[in-house]
Amino acid sequence: NNRPIMPKKTQSEVLGDLQEETDSSLFSNAVCPIFAEPAHSQDELGQLLLTLHSMAVELNKHRLAENRLLQSEKISSLGRLAMGLAHEINNPLANALMHLELLRHSEGVADSGTLTRLKTIESNVTRAMAIAKDLLNFSRAESAAFTELNIHDALDCVLSLLEHRMRSIRVQTFYCLEMPQVSGIGSKLEQVFMNLIQNAIDAMPQGGDLLLMTEALDHGIMVTVRDSGPGIPPALRPKVLETFFTTRHASGGIGLGLTVVQSILAQHRGTLILTDAPEGGLDAIVTLPYRPTSAAQDGANGTENTTVLPPATA
């Protein structure tokens, strides 16, 4: 019999090896030794390793699916909460605006100073109502029907919702003057730019510059979100597209932002490129076709639509 004889191990050695292998994170995209296909062997230890390999792979799949479902439920619950809050905020604001209008035209209010103050109050109430409306539109579950939309409206809506986070950030918009409309799902594209702009804000905790640029291409449009932050460290570039990867654990980050962006862009047959900005910082470049194919509208979830370019060399 020429079959090679595998070296025997004690029970404690086998258990020690398995413990070291399973200590690796089950949620990493890196290859864990226990997930690697063991060499085929006819002896009992080889069969045991094959069985353990299959069990570990299935356990990993189950835990990933369980966590994705949990995060999806959390996002859905937050959407319902935001919609309820928007309704609750909007109703008293509408009532306050109505009484302000009545007060402004009452006989007892005639001096210019009082009218100016009432006008200021009215302006702020109107602005608060607009924010509540944007929040309501952003949170509302929208059908999967693609409609013609202006991408500038989506960008302006997101900027309005995030205005409170950008007090120390200089925002500049360079919009294409004759921007064609694109076909897409408005709330989902707003979600794409909400995630990208929030990432840009988070990259500049001490303030900086945020640039939004749009351009009409031959077969679609391009939107660039540029920040003046530190960019993506080379060591993290291979990881930024991993589900649940985040550097913002302390602020509540769950690492789903770019995963959501990839999924939505795949549905719209769009692309995302993350690359160094010319003068430092990061460019997140989104391209969208004017008319996605019918296959795209049926839904897609691939991640090959996203590219993280290596650092620029001097």
Protein backbone atom coordinates (compact mmCIF):
# COMPACT_ATOMS: atom_id res chain seq x y z
CA ASN A 1 0.00 0.00 0.00
CA ASN A 2 1.67 3.23 -1.24
CA ARG A 3 -0.88 5.63 0.27
CA PRO A 4 0.98 8.31 2.28
CA ILE A 5 0.49 8.12 6.01
CA MET A 6 -0.54 11.42 7.59
CA PRO A 7 1.28 12.25 10.85
CA LYS A 8 -0.84 11.48 13.85
CA LYS A 9 -1.84 14.28 16.23
CA THR A 10 -3.11 14.14 19.74
CA GLN A 11 -6.65 15.28 20.46
CA SER A 12 -5.38 18.47 22.13
CA GLU A 13 -3.23 19.32 19.08
CA VAL A 14 -6.18 18.91 16.68
CA LEU A 15 -8.46 21.01 18.88
CA GLY A 16 -5.72 23.64 19.23
CA ASP A 17 -5.34 23.87 15.44
CA LEU A 18 -9.09 24.24 14.95
CA GLN A 19 -9.29 26.93 17.65
CA GLU A 20 -6.57 28.97 15.94
CA GLU A 21 -8.34 28.68 12.61
CA THR A 22 -11.80 29.63 13.89
CA ASP A 23 -10.41 32.60 15.85
CA SER A 24 -10.15 34.45 12.50
CA SER A 25 -13.06 36.77 11.73
CA LEU A 26 -15.91 35.01 9.93
CA PHE A 27 -16.90 38.28 8.36
CA SER A 28 -13.63 39.06 6.62
CA ASN A 29 -13.21 38.56 2.88
CA ALA A 30 -9.69 37.28 3.56
CA VAL A 31 -9.26 33.52 3.18
CA CYS A 32 -9.47 31.80 6.56
CA PRO A 33 -7.50 28.53 6.76
CA ILE A 34 -10.54 26.54 7.82
CA PHE A 35 -12.37 27.73 4.68
CA ALA A 36 -9.61 26.49 2.38
CA GLU A 37 -10.40 23.16 0.74
CA PRO A 38 -8.42 20.53 2.65
CA ALA A 39 -6.32 17.99 0.76
CA HIS A 40 -8.40 14.96 -0.13
CA SER A 41 -7.61 11.99 2.05
CA GLN A 42 -9.32 8.70 2.66
CA ASP A 43 -8.47 8.44 6.30
CA GLU A 44 -10.73 9.54 9.15
CA LEU A 45 -8.86 12.79 9.85
CA GLY A 46 -9.21 13.87 6.21
CA GLN A 47 -12.95 13.20 6.30
CA LEU A 48 -13.23 15.10 9.56
CA LEU A 49 -11.48 18.14 8.06
CA LEU A 50 -13.74 18.02 5.00
CA THR A 51 -16.80 17.96 7.24
CA LEU A 52 -15.50 20.82 9.39
CA HIS A 53 -14.71 22.82 6.25
CA SER A 54 -18.28 22.44 4.97
CA MET A 55 -19.75 23.31 8.36
CA ALA A 56 -17.57 26.44 8.68
CA VAL A 57 -18.52 27.67 5.20
CA GLU A 58 -22.24 27.16 5.89
CA LEU A 59 -21.93 28.86 9.29
CA ASN A 60 -20.19 31.83 7.70
CA LYS A 61 -22.93 32.14 5.05
CA HIS A 62 -25.64 31.90 7.69
CA ARG A 63 -24.08 34.58 9.91
CA LEU A 64 -23.52 36.94 6.98
CA ALA A 65 -27.12 36.54 5.84
CA GLU A 66 -28.37 37.01 9.40
CA ASN A 67 -26.38 40.24 9.87
CA ARG A 68 -27.44 41.64 6.48
CA LEU A 69 -31.07 40.95 7.36
CA LEU A 70 -30.63 42.62 10.76
CA GLN A 71 -29.03 45.73 9.24
CA SER A 72 -31.72 45.85 6.54
CA GLU A 73 -34.41 45.77 9.22
CA LYS A 74 -32.63 48.55 11.13
CA ILE A 75 -32.48 50.73 8.01
CA SER A 76 -36.15 50.06 7.27
CA SER A 77 -37.10 50.96 10.85
CA LEU A 78 -35.10 54.18 10.67
CA GLY A 79 -36.90 55.08 7.45
CA ARG A 80 -40.30 54.59 9.07
CA LEU A 81 -39.19 56.59 12.11
CA ALA A 82 -37.95 59.45 9.92
CA MET A 83 -41.21 59.49 7.98
CA GLY A 84 -43.22 59.66 11.20
CA LEU A 85 -41.05 62.45 12.58
CA ALA A 86 -41.37 64.43 9.36
CA HIS A 87 -45.17 64.20 9.56
CA GLU A 88 -45.22 65.18 13.24
CA ILE A 89 -42.92 68.15 12.64
CA ASN A 90 -44.68 69.36 9.51
CA ASN A 91 -48.18 69.58 10.99
CA PRO A 92 -47.42 72.06 13.83
CA LEU A 93 -45.17 74.07 11.50
CA ALA A 94 -48.03 74.45 9.03
CA ASN A 95 -50.29 75.59 11.87
CA ALA A 96 -47.66 78.10 13.06
CA LEU A 97 -47.26 79.47 9.54
CA MET A 98 -51.00 80.00 9.22
CA HIS A 99 -51.17 81.95 12.50
CA LEU A 100 -48.12 84.01 11.52
CA GLU A 101 -49.93 85.04 8.36
CA LEU A 102 -53.01 86.03 10.38
CA LEU A 103 -50.90 87.94 12.89
CA ARG A 104 -49.02 89.82 10.19
CA HIS A 105 -52.27 91.15 8.74
CA SER A 106 -53.91 91.99 12.06
CA GLU A 107 -54.68 95.63 12.90
CA GLY A 108 -52.46 95.75 15.98
CA VAL A 109 -49.28 94.98 14.05
CA ALA A 110 -48.23 98.00 12.02
CA ASP A 111 -44.70 99.07 12.97
CA SER A 112 -41.90 98.01 10.64
CA GLY A 113 -39.80 96.42 13.40
CA THR A 114 -42.51 93.96 14.39
CA LEU A 115 -43.28 93.15 10.75
CA THR A 116 -39.59 92.48 10.10
CA ARG A 117 -39.38 90.09 13.05
CA LEU A 118 -42.54 88.29 11.93
CA LYS A 119 -41.10 87.97 8.45
CA THR A 120 -37.91 86.45 9.90
CA ILE A 121 -39.97 83.96 11.91
CA GLU A 122 -42.01 83.09 8.83
CA SER A 123 -38.85 82.55 6.80
CA ASN A 124 -37.42 80.14 9.38
CA VAL A 125 -40.69 78.23 9.72
CA THR A 126 -40.87 77.89 5.93
CA ARG A 127 -37.29 76.61 5.85
CA ALA A 128 -38.04 74.06 8.59
CA MET A 129 -41.07 72.87 6.60
CA ALA A 130 -38.89 72.46 3.50
CA ILE A 131 -36.42 70.33 5.48
CA ALA A 132 -39.26 68.21 6.84
CA LYS A 133 -40.59 67.77 3.29
CA ASP A 134 -37.14 66.70 2.03
CA LEU A 135 -36.84 64.23 4.91
CA LEU A 136 -40.30 62.85 4.13
CA ASN A 137 -39.48 62.43 0.44
CA PHE A 138 -36.14 60.80 1.26
CA SER A 139 -37.73 58.34 3.72
CA ARG A 140 -40.78 57.44 1.66
CA ALA A 141 -40.71 53.96 0.18
CA GLU A 142 -40.78 54.52 -3.54
CA SER A 143 -41.83 52.06 -6.21
CA ALA A 144 -39.16 50.56 -8.43
CA ALA A 145 -40.49 52.45 -11.45
CA PHE A 146 -37.82 54.49 -13.21
CA THR A 147 -38.79 58.10 -13.99
CA GLU A 148 -37.11 61.05 -15.68
CA LEU A 149 -35.33 63.21 -13.11
CA ASN A 150 -32.89 66.08 -12.77
CA ILE A 151 -29.80 64.95 -10.85
CA HIS A 152 -29.26 68.51 -9.58
CA ASP A 153 -32.56 68.30 -7.66
CA ALA A 154 -31.33 65.14 -5.92
CA LEU A 155 -28.02 66.79 -4.99
CA ASP A 156 -29.73 69.94 -3.68
CA CYS A 157 -32.13 67.85 -1.58
CA VAL A 158 -29.22 66.00 0.06
CA LEU A 159 -27.31 69.25 0.69
CA SER A 160 -30.41 70.67 2.37
CA LEU A 161 -30.75 67.65 4.65
CA LEU A 162 -27.05 67.73 5.60
CA GLU A 163 -26.74 71.49 6.00
CA HIS A 164 -26.60 71.21 9.80
CA ARG A 165 -23.45 69.05 9.50
CA MET A 166 -21.59 71.43 7.20
CA ARG A 167 -21.27 74.60 9.27
CA SER A 168 -17.46 74.40 9.16
CA ILE A 169 -17.31 73.19 5.55
CA ARG A 170 -17.18 75.38 2.43
CA VAL A 171 -19.57 73.91 -0.12
CA GLN A 172 -19.19 74.72 -3.81
CA THR A 173 -21.35 73.40 -6.64
CA PHE A 174 -20.25 73.41 -10.25
CA TYR A 175 -23.31 72.21 -12.12
CA CYS A 176 -23.51 71.62 -15.86
CA LEU A 177 -25.71 74.42 -17.24
CA GLU A 178 -27.52 72.18 -19.72
CA MET A 179 -27.74 68.93 -17.80
CA PRO A 180 -29.93 66.30 -19.49
CA GLN A 181 -32.32 64.30 -17.37
CA VAL A 182 -31.60 60.70 -16.50
CA SER A 183 -33.93 57.79 -15.91
CA GLY A 184 -33.79 56.45 -12.37
CA ILE A 185 -35.43 56.06 -8.97
CA GLY A 186 -35.14 59.47 -7.32
CA SER A 187 -35.04 58.40 -3.67
CA LYS A 188 -32.44 55.72 -4.33
CA LEU A 189 -30.12 58.10 -6.19
CA GLU A 190 -30.53 60.58 -3.32
CA GLN A 191 -29.43 57.78 -1.02
CA VAL A 192 -26.29 57.28 -3.14
CA PHE A 193 -25.28 60.92 -2.81
CA MET A 194 -26.35 61.05 0.84
CA ASN A 195 -23.82 58.30 1.62
CA LEU A 196 -21.02 59.79 -0.49
CA ILE A 197 -21.46 63.32 0.87
CA GLN A 198 -21.67 62.04 4.46
CA ASN A 199 -18.42 60.16 3.89
CA ALA A 200 -16.85 63.39 2.61
CA ILE A 201 -18.08 65.30 5.67
CA ASP A 202 -16.75 62.61 8.01
CA ALA A 203 -13.34 62.88 6.31
CA MET A 204 -13.13 66.58 7.32
CA PRO A 205 -13.94 66.76 11.07
CA GLN A 206 -12.07 70.06 11.40
CA GLY A 207 -13.69 71.59 8.32
CA GLY A 208 -12.59 71.80 4.71
CA ASP A 209 -13.88 72.07 1.17
CA LEU A 210 -16.67 70.05 -0.42
CA LEU A 211 -17.10 70.29 -4.18
CA LEU A 212 -19.97 68.85 -6.20
CA MET A 213 -19.40 68.81 -9.96
CA THR A 214 -21.64 67.51 -12.73
CA GLU A 215 -20.89 66.90 -16.38
CA ALA A 216 -22.88 65.66 -19.36
CA LEU A 217 -21.19 62.81 -21.25
CA ASP A 218 -22.00 61.19 -24.59
CA HIS A 219 -23.97 58.32 -23.07
CA GLY A 220 -24.76 59.56 -19.58
CA ILE A 221 -23.81 61.94 -16.79
CA MET A 222 -20.96 62.18 -14.31
CA VAL A 223 -21.17 63.49 -10.75
CA THR A 224 -18.02 64.07 -8.68
CA VAL A 225 -18.08 64.46 -4.89
CA ARG A 226 -14.68 65.88 -3.84
CA ASP A 227 -13.46 66.49 -0.31
CA SER A 228 -10.22 67.98 1.03
CA GLY A 229 -9.71 65.31 3.67
CA PRO A 230 -6.77 62.91 4.01
CA GLY A 231 -8.04 60.46 1.40
CA ILE A 232 -7.99 56.69 1.79
CA PRO A 233 -4.81 55.30 3.37
CA PRO A 234 -3.13 52.73 1.07
CA ALA A 235 -3.49 50.00 3.69
CA LEU A 236 -7.28 50.44 3.78
CA ARG A 237 -7.94 50.61 0.04
CA PRO A 238 -8.43 46.85 -0.38
CA LYS A 239 -10.96 46.86 2.48
CA VAL A 240 -13.18 49.90 1.85
CA LEU A 241 -15.64 47.94 -0.31
CA GLU A 242 -16.06 45.12 2.20
CA THR A 243 -19.50 44.85 3.77
CA PHE A 244 -19.50 46.07 7.40
CA PHE A 245 -16.02 47.62 7.10
CA THR A 246 -15.93 51.02 8.79
CA THR A 247 -13.45 53.31 10.51
CA ARG A 248 -16.27 55.14 12.33
CA HIS A 249 -17.28 52.64 15.05
CA ALA A 250 -17.25 55.38 17.70
CA SER A 251 -19.75 57.53 15.77
CA GLY A 252 -22.09 54.65 15.00
CA GLY A 253 -20.83 53.66 11.56
CA ILE A 254 -21.91 50.15 10.50
CA GLY A 255 -20.00 49.87 7.23
CA LEU A 256 -22.98 49.58 4.90
CA GLY A 257 -22.75 52.95 3.12
CA LEU A 258 -20.67 51.92 0.09
CA THR A 259 -22.43 48.55 -0.04
CA VAL A 260 -25.75 50.36 -0.47
CA VAL A 261 -24.19 52.70 -3.06
CA GLN A 262 -22.85 49.75 -5.07
CA SER A 263 -26.20 47.98 -5.04
CA ILE A 264 -28.17 51.03 -6.17
CA LEU A 265 -25.67 51.92 -8.90
CA ALA A 266 -25.72 48.33 -10.14
CA GLN A 267 -29.50 48.61 -10.46
CA HIS A 268 -29.05 51.81 -12.49
CA ARG A 269 -26.11 50.39 -14.52
CA GLY A 270 -23.95 53.12 -13.04
CA THR A 271 -20.36 53.06 -11.81
CA LEU A 272 -18.39 54.44 -8.88
CA ILE A 273 -14.68 55.30 -8.91
CA LEU A 274 -12.82 56.28 -5.73
CA THR A 275 -9.55 58.05 -6.50
CA ASP A 276 -7.20 60.70 -5.16
CA ALA A 277 -8.29 64.29 -5.82
CA PRO A 278 -5.76 66.42 -7.78
CA GLU A 279 -4.86 68.60 -4.77
CA GLY A 280 -5.36 66.08 -1.99
CA GLY A 281 -8.50 64.52 -0.62
CA LEU A 282 -10.77 62.05 -2.36
CA ASP A 283 -12.88 62.06 -5.51
CA ALA A 284 -15.97 59.84 -5.53
CA ILE A 285 -17.00 59.79 -9.21
CA VAL A 286 -20.44 58.46 -10.14
CA THR A 287 -21.50 57.84 -13.73
CA LEU A 288 -25.08 57.10 -14.77
CA PRO A 289 -26.43 56.25 -18.23
CA TYR A 290 -29.27 58.33 -19.61
CA ARG A 291 -31.36 55.19 -20.12
CA PRO A 292 -30.51 52.08 -18.07
CA THR A 293 -31.24 48.78 -19.78
CA SER A 294 -34.33 46.81 -18.81
CA ALA A 295 -32.09 44.23 -17.15
CA ALA A 296 -30.77 46.94 -14.85
CA GLN A 297 -34.26 47.98 -13.83
CA ASP A 298 -35.04 44.39 -12.90
CA GLY A 299 -32.35 44.70 -10.24
CA ALA A 300 -28.69 43.82 -9.87
CA ASN A 301 -26.36 43.52 -6.96
CA GLY A 302 -22.89 43.08 -8.42
CA THR A 303 -19.92 44.97 -7.06
CA GLU A 304 -17.85 45.02 -10.24
CA ASN A 305 -19.25 48.50 -10.91
CA THR A 306 -16.95 50.03 -8.28
CA THR A 307 -13.24 50.78 -8.60
CA VAL A 308 -10.79 51.95 -5.93
CA LEU A 309 -7.77 53.34 -7.74
CA PRO A 310 -4.31 52.98 -6.16
CA PRO A 311 -2.63 56.04 -4.66
CA ALA A 312 -1.15 58.49 -7.12
CA THR A 313 2.61 58.14 -7.41
CA ALA A 314 4.88 61.14 -7.32
